[in-house]
N, C-alpha and C. Protein backbone atom coordinates (compact mmCIF):
# COMPACT_ATOMS: atom_id res chain seq x y z
N UNK A 1 0.85 -1.18 0.00
CA UNK A 1 0.00 0.00 0.00
C UNK A 1 0.90 1.23 -0.02
N UNK A 2 0.69 2.07 -0.99
CA UNK A 2 1.51 3.28 -1.13
C UNK A 2 1.10 4.38 -0.23
N UNK A 3 1.77 5.51 -0.41
CA UNK A 3 1.51 6.68 0.41
C UNK A 3 0.09 7.17 0.21
N UNK A 4 -0.43 7.14 -1.05
CA UNK A 4 -1.78 7.60 -1.30
C UNK A 4 -2.82 6.69 -0.70
N UNK A 5 -2.50 5.43 -0.56
CA UNK A 5 -3.43 4.48 -0.01
C UNK A 5 -3.60 4.62 1.50
N UNK A 6 -2.61 5.15 2.15
CA UNK A 6 -2.63 5.32 3.63
C UNK A 6 -3.23 6.65 4.05
N UNK A 7 -3.28 7.60 3.15
CA UNK A 7 -3.68 8.96 3.50
C UNK A 7 -5.12 9.02 4.06
N UNK A 8 -6.11 8.31 3.45
CA UNK A 8 -7.46 8.39 4.07
C UNK A 8 -7.50 7.91 5.52
N UNK A 9 -6.70 6.87 5.82
CA UNK A 9 -6.68 6.35 7.19
C UNK A 9 -6.05 7.35 8.17
N UNK A 10 -5.00 8.01 7.71
CA UNK A 10 -4.38 9.03 8.51
C UNK A 10 -5.34 10.17 8.82
N UNK A 11 -6.01 10.63 7.76
CA UNK A 11 -7.00 11.71 7.92
C UNK A 11 -8.15 11.27 8.82
N UNK A 12 -8.58 10.03 8.70
CA UNK A 12 -9.66 9.51 9.52
C UNK A 12 -9.19 9.50 11.01
N UNK A 13 -7.97 9.09 11.24
CA UNK A 13 -7.41 9.07 12.61
C UNK A 13 -7.35 10.47 13.19
N UNK A 14 -6.90 11.44 12.40
CA UNK A 14 -6.85 12.83 12.92
C UNK A 14 -8.25 13.35 13.20
N UNK A 15 -9.19 13.02 12.31
CA UNK A 15 -10.57 13.46 12.55
C UNK A 15 -11.15 12.86 13.81
N UNK A 16 -10.90 11.57 14.03
CA UNK A 16 -11.42 10.92 15.23
C UNK A 16 -10.78 11.51 16.50
N UNK A 17 -9.48 11.76 16.43
CA UNK A 17 -8.79 12.35 17.57
C UNK A 17 -9.29 13.74 17.86
N UNK A 18 -9.52 14.49 16.83
CA UNK A 18 -10.09 15.83 17.01
C UNK A 18 -11.48 15.80 17.63
N UNK A 19 -12.27 14.87 17.16
CA UNK A 19 -13.65 14.75 17.71
C UNK A 19 -13.57 14.30 19.18
N UNK A 20 -12.67 13.39 19.48
CA UNK A 20 -12.53 12.87 20.86
C UNK A 20 -12.05 14.00 21.80
N UNK A 21 -11.12 14.78 21.34
CA UNK A 21 -10.49 15.82 22.20
C UNK A 21 -11.27 17.12 22.16
N UNK A 22 -12.37 17.17 21.49
CA UNK A 22 -13.12 18.44 21.40
C UNK A 22 -13.79 18.79 22.74
N UNK A 23 -14.11 17.78 23.54
CA UNK A 23 -14.76 18.09 24.83
C UNK A 23 -13.68 18.19 25.90
N UNK A 24 -13.89 19.09 26.84
CA UNK A 24 -12.92 19.32 27.93
C UNK A 24 -12.81 18.08 28.83
N UNK A 25 -13.89 17.41 29.05
CA UNK A 25 -13.89 16.20 29.89
C UNK A 25 -13.00 15.10 29.27
N UNK A 26 -13.09 14.91 27.96
CA UNK A 26 -12.31 13.90 27.30
C UNK A 26 -10.83 14.31 27.30
N UNK A 27 -10.53 15.58 27.10
CA UNK A 27 -9.12 16.04 27.15
C UNK A 27 -8.50 15.75 28.53
N UNK A 28 -9.29 15.99 29.61
CA UNK A 28 -8.78 15.76 30.94
C UNK A 28 -8.53 14.27 31.17
N UNK A 29 -9.43 13.40 30.61
CA UNK A 29 -9.21 11.95 30.73
C UNK A 29 -7.96 11.54 30.00
N UNK A 30 -7.74 12.04 28.81
CA UNK A 30 -6.55 11.73 28.05
C UNK A 30 -5.30 12.18 28.74
N UNK A 31 -5.32 13.39 29.27
CA UNK A 31 -4.13 13.90 30.00
C UNK A 31 -3.86 13.08 31.24
N UNK A 32 -4.92 12.67 31.92
CA UNK A 32 -4.74 11.77 33.09
C UNK A 32 -4.14 10.44 32.71
N UNK A 33 -4.61 9.89 31.61
CA UNK A 33 -4.07 8.59 31.11
C UNK A 33 -2.61 8.75 30.73
N UNK A 34 -2.28 9.82 30.04
CA UNK A 34 -0.89 10.07 29.64
C UNK A 34 0.03 10.21 30.87
N UNK A 35 -0.48 10.88 31.90
CA UNK A 35 0.29 11.03 33.14
C UNK A 35 0.53 9.70 33.83
N UNK A 36 -0.51 8.82 33.83
CA UNK A 36 -0.36 7.50 34.45
C UNK A 36 0.64 6.67 33.67
N UNK A 37 0.57 6.69 32.36
CA UNK A 37 1.52 5.94 31.53
C UNK A 37 2.95 6.40 31.76
N UNK A 38 3.10 7.74 31.82
CA UNK A 38 4.43 8.31 32.05
C UNK A 38 4.99 7.87 33.41
N UNK A 39 4.14 7.90 34.42
CA UNK A 39 4.58 7.49 35.78
C UNK A 39 4.96 6.02 35.79
N UNK A 40 4.16 5.18 35.13
CA UNK A 40 4.50 3.74 35.10
C UNK A 40 5.79 3.50 34.37
N UNK A 41 6.00 4.22 33.28
CA UNK A 41 7.26 4.08 32.52
C UNK A 41 8.44 4.49 33.37
N UNK A 42 8.32 5.58 34.10
CA UNK A 42 9.42 6.04 34.94
C UNK A 42 9.68 5.03 36.07
N UNK A 43 8.63 4.46 36.62
CA UNK A 43 8.79 3.45 37.67
C UNK A 43 9.48 2.22 37.09
N UNK A 44 9.07 1.83 35.88
CA UNK A 44 9.65 0.63 35.26
C UNK A 44 11.09 0.79 34.92
N UNK A 45 11.44 1.91 34.34
CA UNK A 45 12.82 2.10 33.89
C UNK A 45 13.68 2.85 34.89
N UNK A 46 13.14 3.23 35.98
CA UNK A 46 13.91 3.92 37.01
C UNK A 46 14.22 5.35 36.65
N UNK A 47 15.10 5.92 37.44
CA UNK A 47 15.40 7.32 37.21
C UNK A 47 16.29 7.47 35.98
N UNK A 48 16.44 8.69 35.52
CA UNK A 48 17.22 8.96 34.32
C UNK A 48 18.69 9.17 34.65
N UNK A 49 19.13 8.85 35.86
CA UNK A 49 20.53 9.04 36.23
C UNK A 49 21.41 8.03 35.55
N UNK A 50 22.53 8.50 35.03
CA UNK A 50 23.46 7.62 34.36
C UNK A 50 24.21 6.76 35.36
N UNK A 51 24.57 5.57 34.96
CA UNK A 51 25.33 4.72 35.84
C UNK A 51 26.80 5.19 35.83
N UNK A 52 27.55 4.75 36.82
CA UNK A 52 28.93 5.17 36.98
C UNK A 52 29.79 4.76 35.80
N UNK A 53 29.63 3.55 35.30
CA UNK A 53 30.48 3.09 34.16
C UNK A 53 30.14 3.84 32.90
N UNK A 54 28.89 4.29 32.74
CA UNK A 54 28.53 5.04 31.59
C UNK A 54 29.08 6.47 31.64
N UNK A 55 29.18 7.03 32.81
CA UNK A 55 29.74 8.39 32.97
C UNK A 55 31.18 8.46 32.57
N UNK A 56 31.95 7.39 32.88
CA UNK A 56 33.39 7.47 32.58
C UNK A 56 33.78 6.70 31.33
N UNK A 57 32.81 6.28 30.54
CA UNK A 57 33.11 5.51 29.33
C UNK A 57 33.93 6.35 28.37
N UNK A 58 35.06 5.85 27.94
CA UNK A 58 35.92 6.52 26.99
C UNK A 58 36.81 7.62 27.58
N UNK A 59 36.61 7.94 28.83
CA UNK A 59 37.43 8.96 29.51
C UNK A 59 37.92 8.35 30.85
N UNK A 60 38.94 7.51 30.75
CA UNK A 60 39.42 6.86 31.97
C UNK A 60 40.05 7.82 32.95
N UNK A 61 39.93 7.49 34.20
CA UNK A 61 40.59 8.27 35.25
C UNK A 61 42.11 8.07 35.04
N UNK A 62 42.89 9.12 35.05
CA UNK A 62 44.33 8.94 34.78
C UNK A 62 45.03 8.07 35.83
N UNK A 63 44.44 7.92 36.98
CA UNK A 63 45.04 7.08 38.05
C UNK A 63 44.49 5.67 38.07
N UNK A 64 43.51 5.38 37.20
CA UNK A 64 43.00 4.02 37.07
C UNK A 64 43.74 3.40 35.89
N UNK A 65 44.90 2.83 36.15
CA UNK A 65 45.81 2.38 35.10
C UNK A 65 45.24 1.25 34.27
N UNK A 66 44.49 0.32 34.87
CA UNK A 66 43.92 -0.77 34.11
C UNK A 66 42.91 -0.24 33.09
N UNK A 67 42.08 0.68 33.52
CA UNK A 67 41.07 1.21 32.63
C UNK A 67 41.73 2.02 31.51
N UNK A 68 42.73 2.84 31.87
CA UNK A 68 43.43 3.64 30.86
C UNK A 68 44.10 2.75 29.83
N UNK A 69 44.71 1.67 30.28
CA UNK A 69 45.36 0.71 29.38
C UNK A 69 44.34 0.12 28.43
N UNK A 70 43.17 -0.29 28.92
CA UNK A 70 42.15 -0.89 28.09
C UNK A 70 41.69 0.07 27.01
N UNK A 71 41.47 1.35 27.36
CA UNK A 71 41.07 2.36 26.38
C UNK A 71 42.16 2.56 25.35
N UNK A 72 43.42 2.59 25.79
CA UNK A 72 44.53 2.77 24.88
C UNK A 72 44.62 1.62 23.90
N UNK A 73 44.45 0.40 24.38
CA UNK A 73 44.51 -0.78 23.50
C UNK A 73 43.38 -0.75 22.49
N UNK A 74 42.21 -0.32 22.94
CA UNK A 74 41.06 -0.25 22.00
C UNK A 74 41.33 0.76 20.91
N UNK A 75 41.91 1.92 21.25
CA UNK A 75 42.22 2.90 20.23
C UNK A 75 43.32 2.39 19.29
N UNK A 76 44.29 1.71 19.84
CA UNK A 76 45.37 1.18 19.04
C UNK A 76 44.87 0.13 18.06
N UNK A 77 43.92 -0.66 18.44
CA UNK A 77 43.35 -1.68 17.56
C UNK A 77 42.75 -1.06 16.31
N UNK A 78 41.98 -0.01 16.47
CA UNK A 78 41.35 0.62 15.28
C UNK A 78 42.39 1.28 14.40
N UNK A 79 43.45 1.84 14.98
CA UNK A 79 44.53 2.42 14.18
C UNK A 79 45.24 1.37 13.39
N UNK A 80 45.56 0.25 14.03
CA UNK A 80 46.23 -0.88 13.30
C UNK A 80 45.33 -1.39 12.19
N UNK A 81 44.07 -1.55 12.45
CA UNK A 81 43.12 -2.04 11.42
C UNK A 81 43.11 -1.10 10.22
N UNK A 82 43.04 0.20 10.48
CA UNK A 82 43.03 1.19 9.40
C UNK A 82 44.32 1.12 8.63
N UNK A 83 45.46 1.08 9.28
CA UNK A 83 46.74 1.01 8.61
C UNK A 83 46.88 -0.19 7.73
N UNK A 84 46.38 -1.35 8.17
CA UNK A 84 46.44 -2.56 7.36
C UNK A 84 45.58 -2.40 6.11
N UNK A 85 44.40 -1.82 6.24
CA UNK A 85 43.52 -1.61 5.09
C UNK A 85 44.17 -0.68 4.09
N UNK A 86 44.82 0.37 4.56
CA UNK A 86 45.45 1.33 3.66
C UNK A 86 46.63 0.70 2.95
N UNK A 87 47.40 -0.11 3.65
CA UNK A 87 48.56 -0.75 3.08
C UNK A 87 48.13 -1.79 2.02
N UNK A 88 46.98 -2.44 2.21
CA UNK A 88 46.52 -3.41 1.23
C UNK A 88 46.03 -2.77 -0.05
N UNK A 89 45.62 -1.52 0.05
CA UNK A 89 45.08 -0.83 -1.15
C UNK A 89 46.15 -0.33 -2.05
């Protein structure tokens, strides 16, 4: 079904939503439902606070030598891969 085939359904959906939200009582119900869904989603997925490992990803503490070494090796791997590809060309 092409773009032209879907257009009547989209317009019908907008028309129904407009009719539903035309009354103040229905708008309040919808806003209440949206608030409940938002609260449940926040409860399900927790707070938006980043975890500790995500905060320091890619920026190792200079005194955390193991982590700094791991980041350095990861960067070196991509450089070596690129150099091999360039030399093969």
